[in-house]
Amino acid sequence: MTDHKALKNLVRERMSRTGESYTTAHRYVTTRKAGRNLAGLTAGYPAFGADAHRPSGLAQHLLEQKGISLTEPMACGLGGGIGFLYAVFEYATVPQPLLTIVAQHHPQPWLEAVASHLGLELSQLTSSKAGTALKKLDAALEDGNAAQVVVGRGMLPWHPGVPEEEAADPHAVVVAGKNGDEYLVDDGDGEPHRLSAAALGQAWAAHRKGRFTLTTLSEPTAAPDLGAGIRAAIATTHAHLTGPVLGNNFDVNMGLSGMHRFARDLADTRTKTGWSKRFGNPDSFSNGARRLAECLTWAHTSAGATRLLYAAFLSEAGPLTGLKLARARDCAAESGQRWSELADLAGTASPEDDPQEMIAHFATLMEAILPVEERLAAELGAAIGAGPR
């Protein structure tokens, strides 16, 4: 991955050359196709990379190493698929407000959600020191088990330009094998990255909450019940869209409640929490628009706020379960297109734009998204018997 400025320049250059939208140009610039396995180095780990959604691609590879073959859309849906979190943080040491939108299932870790819905077990080992953790990792790899570890994203050399305040943000990667003294890391971008033990230990230590935790998928004792897993996953998605999720005051920022809050903040021209005040000057607007485009395209999501991939999951899930998911699928596809329109507008924002006019356009698009999301949640609930049509 390149840094924000270089990536934005590449996307803009392609847009001007091809006439593509921000979402389309971004997808071509950052395509993460699964690459070939490195024979003899990764003990059956099938490939590196992801087609659309990094966490789903990683989970898909770990499952396939255990003999469970799923498509990436299916891995996405089994991970909970879609969700929503909206928050804006302000710190005295940071000049601009920090926008966060998570458009995928949250906060349960992706692999944990997939395994839980399929009735599979995960093995987790913890350590207090890098040396001990690396020995446990080596043992797992020698036993033919790729392992997921959570590192600080800014400590990975292929992620240059990560802001200091985001350097320790949790970032799950899979250590798939070892070549000599170097570890082969799958970060979902289509190639095996090589890290020394010292570099991996440093990155692993950066995320303090999950420091030196090693997660592997246990050997299945029986083939998982895919139909039951799909039903459980859709139930989770519906529950998290309609809330509560955490059971505390932060739930107002999540699911449909969070979407309504986002819409109100965009339309608010009076209070200090409204976007007109918070992101009303050119610098803060430029930063906020960039983050909005990222958060609806690739940061903790995939194109169309993960809705487009979720629509593909629902298309696959219907025939496998007998659930009536066609209307939910159509809602997810429509919502994905509408979120893409918002991302495209935010991604093309420039210093010459009037922030107030652009924010008003954002608010109009968001107002059109809300009823589609509400229909989507209602259709998911009806399909699993959790609510009326």
Protein backbone atom coordinates (compact mmCIF):
# COMPACT_ATOMS: atom_id res chain seq x y z
CA MET A 1 0.00 0.00 0.00
CA THR A 2 1.13 3.50 -0.72
CA ASP A 3 0.59 6.53 1.49
CA HIS A 4 -2.59 8.63 1.37
CA LYS A 5 -1.19 11.44 -0.80
CA ALA A 6 0.43 9.16 -3.37
CA LEU A 7 -2.65 6.92 -3.53
CA LYS A 8 -4.95 9.89 -4.05
CA ASN A 9 -2.70 11.16 -6.86
CA LEU A 10 -2.78 7.76 -8.57
CA VAL A 11 -6.57 7.58 -8.29
CA ARG A 12 -7.02 11.12 -9.62
CA GLU A 13 -4.64 10.46 -12.50
CA ARG A 14 -6.63 7.40 -13.55
CA MET A 15 -9.93 9.29 -13.20
CA SER A 16 -8.72 12.08 -15.48
CA ARG A 17 -7.37 9.58 -18.01
CA THR A 18 -10.33 7.19 -18.12
CA GLY A 19 -13.31 9.25 -16.93
CA GLU A 20 -14.02 6.65 -14.24
CA SER A 21 -15.66 7.41 -10.90
CA TYR A 22 -13.58 7.57 -7.71
CA THR A 23 -14.80 4.14 -6.59
CA THR A 24 -13.97 2.47 -9.92
CA ALA A 25 -10.58 4.15 -10.28
CA HIS A 26 -9.67 3.32 -6.68
CA ARG A 27 -10.58 -0.34 -7.23
CA TYR A 28 -8.25 -0.61 -10.23
CA VAL A 29 -5.39 1.20 -8.50
CA THR A 30 -5.59 -0.96 -5.36
CA THR A 31 -6.77 -4.29 -6.78
CA ARG A 32 -5.80 -7.08 -4.39
CA LYS A 33 -6.14 -10.22 -6.47
CA ALA A 34 -5.20 -13.49 -4.82
CA GLY A 35 -1.77 -14.63 -5.92
CA ARG A 36 -0.36 -18.11 -6.27
CA ASN A 37 0.80 -20.18 -3.36
CA LEU A 38 4.51 -20.51 -2.69
CA ALA A 39 4.92 -24.25 -3.07
CA GLY A 40 6.67 -25.92 -0.16
CA LEU A 41 6.84 -22.76 1.95
CA THR A 42 3.33 -22.39 3.29
CA ALA A 43 2.08 -25.91 4.11
CA GLY A 44 -1.03 -25.80 1.97
CA TYR A 45 -1.91 -22.16 2.51
CA PRO A 46 -3.80 -21.60 -0.77
CA ALA A 47 -3.04 -18.04 -1.93
CA PHE A 48 -2.16 -14.51 -0.94
CA GLY A 49 -4.51 -11.57 -1.40
CA ALA A 50 -8.22 -10.81 -1.65
CA ASP A 51 -10.51 -9.94 -4.53
CA ALA A 52 -12.55 -7.27 -2.73
CA HIS A 53 -12.50 -7.46 1.07
CA ARG A 54 -9.28 -8.05 2.97
CA PRO A 55 -10.65 -9.69 6.19
CA SER A 56 -12.87 -12.04 4.16
CA GLY A 57 -9.97 -13.03 1.92
CA LEU A 58 -7.77 -13.85 4.91
CA ALA A 59 -10.52 -15.91 6.57
CA GLN A 60 -11.17 -17.69 3.27
CA HIS A 61 -7.51 -18.74 3.03
CA LEU A 62 -7.33 -20.00 6.61
CA LEU A 63 -10.49 -22.05 6.10
CA GLU A 64 -9.24 -23.52 2.84
CA GLN A 65 -6.04 -24.65 4.54
CA LYS A 66 -8.34 -26.76 6.75
CA GLY A 67 -10.22 -28.16 3.75
CA ILE A 68 -13.20 -25.79 3.87
CA SER A 69 -13.69 -24.05 0.53
CA LEU A 70 -15.78 -20.87 0.44
CA THR A 71 -16.07 -17.95 -1.94
CA GLU A 72 -14.99 -14.54 -0.71
CA PRO A 73 -18.60 -13.23 -0.67
CA MET A 74 -19.59 -16.23 1.47
CA ALA A 75 -16.71 -15.56 3.87
CA CYS A 76 -17.87 -11.95 4.01
CA GLY A 77 -21.44 -12.84 4.89
CA LEU A 78 -20.36 -15.44 7.45
CA GLY A 79 -18.22 -12.76 9.09
CA GLY A 80 -21.32 -10.66 9.67
CA GLY A 81 -21.04 -8.78 6.41
CA ILE A 82 -22.33 -5.28 6.82
CA GLY A 83 -22.68 -2.94 9.78
CA PHE A 84 -22.19 0.71 10.62
CA LEU A 85 -20.24 2.79 13.10
CA TYR A 86 -19.97 6.57 12.91
CA ALA A 87 -17.84 8.70 15.22
CA VAL A 88 -15.80 11.89 15.10
CA PHE A 89 -12.93 12.28 17.55
CA GLU A 90 -11.15 15.50 18.44
CA TYR A 91 -7.83 15.72 20.27
CA ALA A 92 -5.87 18.73 21.45
CA THR A 93 -2.71 17.43 19.75
CA VAL A 94 -4.40 16.74 16.38
CA PRO A 95 -5.26 19.79 14.26
CA GLN A 96 -8.28 18.30 12.45
CA PRO A 97 -11.30 16.26 13.60
CA LEU A 98 -10.81 12.54 12.95
CA LEU A 99 -13.71 10.89 11.15
CA THR A 100 -14.28 7.16 11.63
CA ILE A 101 -16.87 5.14 9.74
CA VAL A 102 -16.81 1.35 9.86
CA ALA A 103 -19.25 -0.02 7.28
CA GLN A 104 -18.64 -3.71 7.93
CA HIS A 105 -19.62 -5.98 10.82
CA HIS A 106 -18.08 -4.59 13.99
CA PRO A 107 -16.57 -4.92 16.62
CA GLN A 108 -16.23 -8.74 16.70
CA PRO A 109 -12.99 -9.80 14.96
CA TRP A 110 -13.72 -11.15 11.48
CA LEU A 111 -12.16 -14.59 11.81
CA GLU A 112 -13.83 -15.07 15.18
CA ALA A 113 -17.23 -14.25 13.66
CA VAL A 114 -16.77 -16.64 10.72
CA ALA A 115 -15.61 -19.48 12.98
CA SER A 116 -18.43 -18.88 15.47
CA HIS A 117 -21.14 -18.95 12.82
CA LEU A 118 -19.74 -22.16 11.32
CA GLY A 119 -19.31 -23.85 14.71
CA LEU A 120 -15.53 -24.03 14.34
CA GLU A 121 -13.02 -23.59 17.13
CA LEU A 122 -10.12 -21.18 17.26
CA SER A 123 -6.98 -21.72 19.30
CA GLN A 124 -5.45 -18.63 20.90
CA LEU A 125 -2.05 -18.46 22.54
CA THR A 126 -0.71 -15.42 24.35
CA SER A 127 2.79 -14.40 25.38
CA SER A 128 4.36 -11.54 27.26
CA LYS A 129 7.55 -11.30 25.19
CA ALA A 130 8.34 -11.27 21.49
CA GLY A 131 10.82 -14.13 21.70
CA THR A 132 8.34 -16.48 23.33
CA ALA A 133 5.59 -15.47 20.91
CA LEU A 134 7.81 -16.10 17.89
CA LYS A 135 8.72 -19.58 19.18
CA LYS A 136 5.01 -20.40 19.47
CA LEU A 137 4.46 -19.04 15.97
CA ASP A 138 7.28 -21.20 14.61
CA ALA A 139 5.73 -24.27 16.24
CA ALA A 140 2.33 -23.51 14.69
CA LEU A 141 3.87 -23.11 11.24
CA GLU A 142 5.83 -26.34 11.61
CA ASP A 143 2.54 -28.10 12.41
CA GLY A 144 1.06 -26.76 9.16
CA ASN A 145 -1.06 -24.04 10.74
CA ALA A 146 -1.03 -20.52 9.32
CA ALA A 147 -1.65 -18.04 12.13
CA GLN A 148 -3.44 -14.74 12.42
CA VAL A 149 -1.71 -12.03 14.44
CA VAL A 150 -2.77 -8.47 15.17
CA VAL A 151 -0.09 -5.86 14.58
CA GLY A 152 0.21 -2.09 14.49
CA ARG A 153 -0.43 -1.17 10.86
CA GLY A 154 2.06 1.69 10.88
CA MET A 155 4.87 -0.70 11.81
CA LEU A 156 4.57 -2.68 8.57
CA PRO A 157 7.11 -1.45 5.99
CA TRP A 158 4.64 -1.84 3.10
CA HIS A 159 2.29 0.66 4.80
CA PRO A 160 4.33 3.88 4.57
CA GLY A 161 2.85 7.23 5.49
CA VAL A 162 0.49 6.03 8.23
CA PRO A 163 -0.18 9.02 10.53
CA GLU A 164 1.49 8.74 13.92
CA GLU A 165 -1.85 8.71 15.74
CA GLU A 166 -2.92 5.67 13.65
CA ALA A 167 0.36 3.71 13.70
CA ALA A 168 -0.72 1.35 16.52
CA ASP A 169 -4.22 0.77 15.13
CA PRO A 170 -5.03 -2.97 15.19
CA HIS A 171 -4.43 -4.67 11.87
CA ALA A 172 -4.90 -8.42 11.46
CA VAL A 173 -2.57 -10.26 9.09
CA VAL A 174 -1.88 -13.94 8.51
CA VAL A 175 1.60 -15.41 8.87
CA ALA A 176 1.37 -18.20 6.32
CA GLY A 177 4.85 -19.68 6.35
CA LYS A 178 8.54 -19.12 6.67
CA ASN A 179 11.35 -18.93 4.15
CA GLY A 180 14.69 -19.19 5.91
CA ASP A 181 14.68 -16.54 8.62
CA GLU A 182 11.85 -14.54 7.05
CA TYR A 183 8.13 -14.86 7.73
CA LEU A 184 5.69 -14.83 4.80
CA VAL A 185 2.80 -12.49 5.60
CA ASP A 186 -0.59 -12.31 3.86
CA ASP A 187 -1.99 -8.78 4.15
CA GLY A 188 -4.66 -9.24 1.51
CA ASP A 189 -2.88 -7.25 -1.20
CA GLY A 190 -1.94 -10.11 -3.52
CA GLU A 191 1.65 -10.84 -2.62
CA PRO A 192 3.55 -12.50 0.22
CA HIS A 193 5.37 -9.89 2.28
CA ARG A 194 8.61 -10.93 3.97
CA LEU A 195 9.43 -9.88 7.51
CA SER A 196 12.37 -10.67 9.74
CA ALA A 197 11.70 -11.95 13.24
CA ALA A 198 12.75 -8.59 14.68
CA ALA A 199 10.44 -6.62 12.38
CA LEU A 200 7.49 -8.93 13.01
CA GLY A 201 8.07 -8.81 16.77
CA GLN A 202 8.15 -5.02 16.72
CA ALA A 203 4.94 -4.75 14.70
CA TRP A 204 3.28 -7.39 16.88
CA ALA A 205 4.17 -5.47 20.02
CA ALA A 206 2.82 -2.15 18.70
CA HIS A 207 -0.85 -3.03 19.24
CA ARG A 208 -0.71 -3.31 22.99
CA LYS A 209 -4.19 -4.69 23.68
CA GLY A 210 -3.66 -7.76 21.50
CA ARG A 211 0.10 -7.89 21.80
CA PHE A 212 1.59 -11.32 21.06
CA THR A 213 -1.77 -13.10 20.65
CA LEU A 214 -1.56 -15.96 18.17
CA THR A 215 -4.78 -17.30 16.61
CA THR A 216 -5.06 -20.51 14.59
CA LEU A 217 -8.04 -22.44 13.28
CA SER A 218 -8.44 -25.79 15.01
CA GLU A 219 -8.80 -28.92 12.90
CA PRO A 220 -12.54 -29.44 12.20
CA THR A 221 -14.00 -32.61 13.70
CA ALA A 222 -16.80 -32.63 11.11
CA ALA A 223 -17.87 -30.67 8.05
CA PRO A 224 -19.52 -27.42 9.15
CA ASP A 225 -23.26 -26.91 8.62
CA LEU A 226 -23.10 -24.10 6.07
CA GLY A 227 -26.84 -23.50 6.03
CA ALA A 228 -26.99 -23.08 9.80
CA GLY A 229 -23.93 -20.83 9.65
CA ILE A 230 -25.55 -18.58 7.06
CA ARG A 231 -28.73 -18.25 9.13
CA ALA A 232 -26.75 -17.42 12.26
CA ALA A 233 -24.66 -14.85 10.39
CA ILE A 234 -27.71 -13.09 8.92
CA ALA A 235 -29.28 -13.01 12.38
CA THR A 236 -26.12 -11.33 13.70
CA THR A 237 -26.12 -8.79 10.87
CA HIS A 238 -29.78 -7.94 11.43
CA ALA A 239 -29.29 -7.63 15.19
CA HIS A 240 -26.32 -5.29 14.79
CA LEU A 241 -28.09 -3.09 12.27
CA THR A 242 -31.14 -2.70 14.49
CA GLY A 243 -29.20 -2.62 17.79
CA PRO A 244 -28.15 -2.61 20.49
CA VAL A 245 -24.64 -3.86 19.75
CA LEU A 246 -22.47 -3.05 22.76
CA GLY A 247 -25.14 -2.49 25.41
CA ASN A 248 -23.79 0.91 26.40
CA ASN A 249 -24.13 4.58 25.45
CA PHE A 250 -21.92 4.19 22.38
CA ASP A 251 -24.70 2.20 20.67
CA VAL A 252 -26.20 5.45 19.40
CA ASN A 253 -23.26 5.55 16.96
CA MET A 254 -23.88 2.05 15.57
CA GLY A 255 -26.23 0.43 13.08
CA LEU A 256 -29.24 2.33 11.81
CA SER A 257 -28.98 4.63 14.82
CA GLY A 258 -25.46 5.61 13.76
CA MET A 259 -26.63 6.22 10.19
CA HIS A 260 -29.37 8.56 11.42
CA ARG A 261 -26.82 10.37 13.55
CA PHE A 262 -24.50 10.73 10.57
CA ALA A 263 -27.37 12.11 8.47
CA ARG A 264 -28.30 14.62 11.21
CA ASP A 265 -24.70 15.80 11.56
CA LEU A 266 -24.39 16.31 7.81
CA ALA A 267 -27.61 18.36 7.73
CA ASP A 268 -26.83 20.32 10.91
CA THR A 269 -25.79 23.90 10.09
CA ARG A 270 -26.16 25.30 13.60
CA THR A 271 -24.40 23.29 16.31
CA LYS A 272 -20.70 22.63 16.80
CA THR A 273 -21.12 18.89 16.17
CA GLY A 274 -22.66 19.47 12.73
CA TRP A 275 -20.42 19.06 9.70
CA SER A 276 -20.93 22.70 8.69
CA LYS A 277 -19.07 23.76 11.83
CA ARG A 278 -16.79 20.77 12.38
CA PHE A 279 -15.65 20.37 8.78
CA GLY A 280 -16.57 23.80 7.47
CA ASN A 281 -13.10 25.22 6.77
CA PRO A 282 -11.09 24.06 3.72
CA ASP A 283 -8.46 22.10 5.65
CA SER A 284 -10.84 20.17 7.89
CA PHE A 285 -13.22 19.58 5.00
CA SER A 286 -10.45 18.20 2.79
CA ASN A 287 -9.40 15.81 5.54
CA GLY A 288 -12.99 14.81 6.35
CA ALA A 289 -13.91 14.22 2.70
CA ARG A 290 -10.81 12.10 2.16
CA ARG A 291 -11.61 9.98 5.19
CA LEU A 292 -15.24 9.63 4.13
CA ALA A 293 -14.20 8.31 0.72
CA GLU A 294 -11.71 5.90 2.30
CA CYS A 295 -14.18 4.61 4.89
CA LEU A 296 -16.78 3.82 2.24
CA THR A 297 -14.32 2.21 -0.18
CA TRP A 298 -11.52 0.28 1.55
CA ALA A 299 -10.81 1.31 5.18
CA HIS A 300 -12.61 -1.34 7.29
CA THR A 301 -14.89 -2.06 4.32
CA SER A 302 -14.97 -2.79 0.59
CA ALA A 303 -16.45 -0.83 -2.31
CA GLY A 304 -19.98 0.43 -1.72
CA ALA A 305 -19.63 0.25 2.08
CA THR A 306 -19.40 -3.59 1.81
CA ARG A 307 -23.02 -3.67 0.58
CA LEU A 308 -22.12 -4.78 -2.96
CA LEU A 309 -20.17 -7.78 -1.69
CA TYR A 310 -22.95 -8.55 0.78
CA ALA A 311 -25.45 -8.60 -2.09
CA ALA A 312 -23.29 -11.26 -3.76
CA PHE A 313 -23.33 -13.24 -0.49
CA LEU A 314 -27.13 -13.07 -0.34
CA SER A 315 -27.37 -14.28 -3.95
CA GLU A 316 -25.27 -17.31 -3.01
CA ALA A 317 -26.96 -17.86 0.35
CA GLY A 318 -30.55 -18.02 -0.87
CA PRO A 319 -30.30 -21.29 -2.84
CA LEU A 320 -28.17 -22.88 -0.11
CA THR A 321 -30.66 -22.18 2.67
CA GLY A 322 -34.08 -21.83 1.06
CA LEU A 323 -34.39 -18.41 2.69
CA LYS A 324 -36.19 -15.73 0.68
CA LEU A 325 -33.34 -13.28 0.29
CA ALA A 326 -33.97 -11.76 -3.15
CA ARG A 327 -35.48 -8.53 -1.84
CA ALA A 328 -32.74 -8.15 0.77
CA ARG A 329 -30.16 -8.76 -1.97
CA ASP A 330 -31.72 -6.05 -4.15
CA CYS A 331 -31.73 -3.62 -1.22
CA ALA A 332 -28.07 -4.37 -0.48
CA ALA A 333 -27.14 -3.81 -4.13
CA GLU A 334 -29.07 -0.52 -4.27
CA SER A 335 -27.57 0.63 -0.99
CA GLY A 336 -24.09 -0.23 -2.24
CA GLN A 337 -24.60 1.87 -5.34
CA ARG A 338 -25.83 4.82 -3.25
CA TRP A 339 -22.92 4.58 -0.82
CA SER A 340 -20.61 4.49 -3.85
CA GLU A 341 -22.17 7.75 -5.10
CA LEU A 342 -21.36 9.35 -1.75
CA ALA A 343 -17.81 7.97 -1.82
CA ASP A 344 -17.34 9.19 -5.40
CA LEU A 345 -18.43 12.71 -4.47
CA ALA A 346 -16.21 12.78 -1.38
CA GLY A 347 -13.28 11.31 -3.31
CA THR A 348 -13.39 14.05 -5.92
CA ALA A 349 -13.55 16.91 -3.42
CA SER A 350 -10.86 19.54 -4.04
CA PRO A 351 -9.60 22.71 -2.27
CA GLU A 352 -11.55 24.76 -4.82
CA ASP A 353 -14.88 23.32 -3.69
CA ASP A 354 -17.12 25.24 -1.30
CA PRO A 355 -17.21 23.04 1.84
CA GLN A 356 -20.74 24.12 2.74
CA GLU A 357 -22.11 23.25 -0.68
CA MET A 358 -20.35 19.89 -0.70
CA ILE A 359 -21.57 19.03 2.80
CA ALA A 360 -25.12 19.87 1.68
CA HIS A 361 -24.67 17.45 -1.23
CA PHE A 362 -23.41 14.79 1.20
CA ALA A 363 -26.51 15.34 3.35
CA THR A 364 -28.84 14.93 0.35
CA LEU A 365 -27.21 11.64 -0.67
CA MET A 366 -27.28 10.34 2.90
CA GLU A 367 -30.96 11.18 3.22
CA ALA A 368 -31.61 8.93 0.21
CA ILE A 369 -29.52 6.09 1.69
CA LEU A 370 -31.43 5.85 4.98
CA PRO A 371 -34.72 4.37 3.70
CA VAL A 372 -32.85 1.80 1.61
CA GLU A 373 -30.88 0.69 4.68
CA GLU A 374 -34.06 0.49 6.72
CA ARG A 375 -35.68 -1.70 4.06
CA LEU A 376 -32.56 -3.86 3.94
CA ALA A 377 -32.65 -4.42 7.70
CA ALA A 378 -36.38 -5.19 7.56
CA GLU A 379 -35.95 -7.70 4.72
CA LEU A 380 -33.13 -9.49 6.53
CA GLY A 381 -35.27 -9.70 9.65
CA ALA A 382 -38.25 -11.02 7.69
CA ALA A 383 -36.12 -13.65 5.96
CA ILE A 384 -35.02 -15.17 9.26
CA GLY A 385 -38.32 -14.59 11.06
CA ALA A 386 -37.03 -11.73 13.21
CA GLY A 387 -39.59 -9.12 12.15
CA PRO A 388 -42.54 -8.32 9.86
CA ARG A 389 -42.24 -7.44 6.18
